[in-house]
Amino acid sequence: MDRWIESVLFASRWLLAPLYLGLVVALLLPLAGFVHELWELINHLASATSHEIILGLLSLIDLSLIANLVLMVIFAGYENFVSKISVASHHDRLEWMGEVDFGGLKLRLIASIVAISGIQLLRAFMSVGDYSDRDLMWSTVIHVVFVASGVLLALMDYLTEKAHKLGH
């Protein structure tokens, strides 16, 4: 009975595969947003101020970071929780594939979230007239919370790794 339960539990990891495939499809959303933003930026380039160009570029960077974040979750999540991706000999294989554990994934995710939050905050401060002081304050607080969370996660991983080394 134990072996059967363990087999079912182990096989249940494949229930995650459709979620990762769904995220692959979801990558089309930031791609569509990127194409739209780029098209708008190009069409208004002649009349755009440098401020508007910078905001447009920040939007493009933001969408790129979001797509990178989704892709990172797809690859690392699939490899950590479902199955190894067998592309070791492929010339385009990403260097970090197969080497990012759950702790590394958490740190990469929080770093991406901090970067995205920072871009959003920069965008808000560049258009300070469009935001209330309250909105700017909360955006700043949220960004600081993300940064602090990242630092604390990194510290926890460092301490955990150090404890493992001392214990072994």
Protein backbone atom coordinates (compact mmCIF):
# COMPACT_ATOMS: atom_id res chain seq x y z
CA MET A 1 0.00 0.00 0.00
CA ASP A 2 2.84 2.40 0.87
CA ARG A 3 4.51 1.88 -2.49
CA TRP A 4 1.27 2.54 -4.33
CA ILE A 5 0.67 5.79 -2.41
CA GLU A 6 4.26 6.86 -2.98
CA SER A 7 3.97 6.07 -6.69
CA VAL A 8 0.79 8.12 -6.97
CA LEU A 9 2.35 11.00 -5.05
CA PHE A 10 5.47 10.89 -7.20
CA ALA A 11 3.44 10.76 -10.42
CA SER A 12 1.29 13.68 -9.26
CA ARG A 13 4.13 16.04 -10.12
CA TRP A 14 2.98 15.73 -13.74
CA LEU A 15 -0.16 17.64 -12.78
CA LEU A 16 2.10 20.70 -12.81
CA ALA A 17 3.08 20.25 -16.47
CA PRO A 18 -0.14 21.82 -17.85
CA LEU A 19 0.45 24.83 -15.60
CA TYR A 20 3.89 25.36 -17.11
CA LEU A 21 2.45 24.92 -20.61
CA GLY A 22 -0.15 27.54 -19.69
CA LEU A 23 2.65 29.88 -18.67
CA VAL A 24 4.26 29.32 -22.08
CA VAL A 25 1.01 30.51 -23.68
CA ALA A 26 0.86 33.38 -21.18
CA LEU A 27 4.22 34.60 -22.51
CA LEU A 28 2.24 35.86 -25.48
CA LEU A 29 0.70 38.54 -23.24
CA PRO A 30 3.88 40.48 -22.44
CA LEU A 31 4.97 39.91 -26.04
CA ALA A 32 1.75 41.49 -27.32
CA GLY A 33 2.15 44.35 -24.84
CA PHE A 34 5.76 44.84 -25.93
CA VAL A 35 4.85 44.95 -29.62
CA HIS A 36 2.03 47.41 -28.87
CA GLU A 37 4.27 49.67 -26.75
CA LEU A 38 7.05 49.55 -29.33
CA TRP A 39 4.62 50.38 -32.12
CA GLU A 40 3.22 53.32 -30.14
CA LEU A 41 6.71 54.55 -29.33
CA ILE A 42 7.82 54.36 -32.96
CA ASN A 43 4.65 56.05 -34.24
CA HIS A 44 4.98 58.95 -31.81
CA LEU A 45 8.75 59.24 -31.94
CA ALA A 46 8.78 62.41 -34.04
CA SER A 47 6.55 64.31 -31.63
CA ALA A 48 7.64 62.63 -28.38
CA THR A 49 9.58 64.44 -25.72
CA SER A 50 12.64 62.83 -24.20
CA HIS A 51 10.54 62.24 -21.09
CA GLU A 52 7.96 60.29 -23.11
CA ILE A 53 10.68 58.30 -24.86
CA ILE A 54 12.23 57.34 -21.53
CA LEU A 55 8.83 56.29 -20.18
CA GLY A 56 8.24 54.23 -23.32
CA LEU A 57 11.62 52.56 -22.97
CA LEU A 58 10.92 51.83 -19.31
CA SER A 59 7.67 50.16 -20.36
CA LEU A 60 9.56 47.98 -22.85
CA ILE A 61 12.14 47.04 -20.23
CA ASP A 62 9.39 46.30 -17.73
CA LEU A 63 7.62 43.96 -20.15
CA SER A 64 10.92 42.24 -20.96
CA LEU A 65 11.62 41.66 -17.28
CA ILE A 66 8.14 40.26 -16.76
CA ALA A 67 8.62 37.85 -19.67
CA ASN A 68 12.03 36.84 -18.27
CA LEU A 69 10.42 36.20 -14.90
CA VAL A 70 7.75 33.96 -16.43
CA LEU A 71 10.34 32.06 -18.46
CA MET A 72 12.50 31.57 -15.38
CA VAL A 73 9.53 30.15 -13.48
CA ILE A 74 8.71 27.83 -16.38
CA PHE A 75 12.20 26.39 -16.72
CA ALA A 76 13.23 26.24 -13.09
CA GLY A 77 9.81 25.14 -11.87
CA TYR A 78 9.55 22.37 -14.44
CA GLU A 79 13.08 21.16 -13.75
CA ASN A 80 12.72 21.33 -9.98
CA PHE A 81 9.25 19.86 -9.64
CA VAL A 82 8.37 17.85 -12.75
CA SER A 83 11.25 16.51 -14.81
CA LYS A 84 14.66 17.41 -16.16
CA ILE A 85 14.70 19.15 -19.51
CA SER A 86 16.94 17.10 -21.79
CA VAL A 87 18.72 19.73 -23.84
CA ALA A 88 22.21 19.33 -22.38
CA SER A 89 23.83 19.03 -25.80
CA HIS A 90 21.79 21.79 -27.46
CA HIS A 91 23.96 24.73 -28.54
CA ASP A 92 21.42 27.27 -27.21
CA ARG A 93 21.08 25.68 -23.78
CA LEU A 94 20.83 28.33 -21.10
CA GLU A 95 23.81 28.25 -18.78
CA TRP A 96 21.77 28.24 -15.58
CA MET A 97 19.36 25.47 -16.63
CA GLY A 98 19.54 22.51 -14.32
CA GLU A 99 21.57 24.47 -11.80
CA VAL A 100 18.91 26.67 -10.22
CA ASP A 101 17.52 25.04 -7.11
CA PHE A 102 14.42 26.23 -5.30
CA GLY A 103 16.43 28.67 -3.16
CA GLY A 104 18.12 30.10 -6.23
CA LEU A 105 14.78 30.39 -7.97
CA LYS A 106 13.36 32.34 -5.02
CA LEU A 107 16.27 34.76 -5.13
CA ARG A 108 16.02 35.23 -8.88
CA LEU A 109 12.29 35.78 -8.61
CA ILE A 110 12.58 38.38 -5.88
CA ALA A 111 15.40 40.10 -7.78
CA SER A 112 13.16 40.31 -10.85
CA ILE A 113 10.25 41.57 -8.77
CA VAL A 114 12.49 44.23 -7.22
CA ALA A 115 13.67 45.30 -10.68
CA ILE A 116 10.10 45.47 -12.00
CA SER A 117 8.99 47.38 -8.91
CA GLY A 118 11.93 49.75 -9.29
CA ILE A 119 10.99 50.48 -12.89
CA GLN A 120 7.38 51.10 -11.87
CA LEU A 121 8.58 53.44 -9.13
CA LEU A 122 10.91 55.27 -11.50
CA ARG A 123 8.06 55.64 -13.98
CA ALA A 124 5.85 57.07 -11.23
CA PHE A 125 8.48 59.56 -10.13
CA MET A 126 9.10 60.63 -13.72
CA SER A 127 5.39 61.43 -14.00
CA VAL A 128 5.07 62.76 -10.47
CA GLY A 129 2.23 65.09 -11.45
CA ASP A 130 0.06 62.12 -12.41
CA TYR A 131 0.25 60.56 -8.94
CA SER A 132 -0.87 61.70 -5.54
CA ASP A 133 1.62 61.93 -2.70
CA ARG A 134 -0.18 59.00 -1.11
CA ASP A 135 0.25 56.84 -4.23
CA LEU A 136 3.94 57.72 -4.46
CA MET A 137 4.43 56.99 -0.77
CA TRP A 138 2.76 53.58 -1.03
CA SER A 139 4.68 52.73 -4.20
CA THR A 140 7.90 53.55 -2.37
CA VAL A 141 6.89 51.55 0.70
CA ILE A 142 5.97 48.54 -1.42
CA HIS A 143 9.29 48.75 -3.27
CA VAL A 144 11.21 48.95 0.01
CA VAL A 145 9.29 45.91 1.28
CA PHE A 146 10.29 43.99 -1.86
CA VAL A 147 13.93 45.01 -1.40
CA ALA A 148 13.87 44.06 2.28
CA SER A 149 12.23 40.73 1.42
CA GLY A 150 14.98 40.02 -1.08
CA VAL A 151 17.69 40.84 1.42
CA LEU A 152 16.04 38.67 4.08
CA LEU A 153 15.60 35.75 1.65
CA ALA A 154 19.25 36.00 0.63
CA LEU A 155 20.29 36.15 4.28
CA MET A 156 18.15 33.12 5.14
CA ASP A 157 19.63 31.13 2.25
CA TYR A 158 23.13 32.16 3.30
CA LEU A 159 22.54 31.13 6.90
CA THR A 160 20.91 27.85 5.86
CA GLU A 161 23.82 27.01 3.58
CA LYS A 162 26.31 27.92 6.29
CA ALA A 163 24.46 25.73 8.81
CA HIS A 164 24.49 22.81 6.37
CA LYS A 165 28.24 23.18 5.87
CA LEU A 166 28.83 23.25 9.62
CA GLY A 167 26.57 20.27 10.18
CA HIS A 168 28.23 18.06 7.55
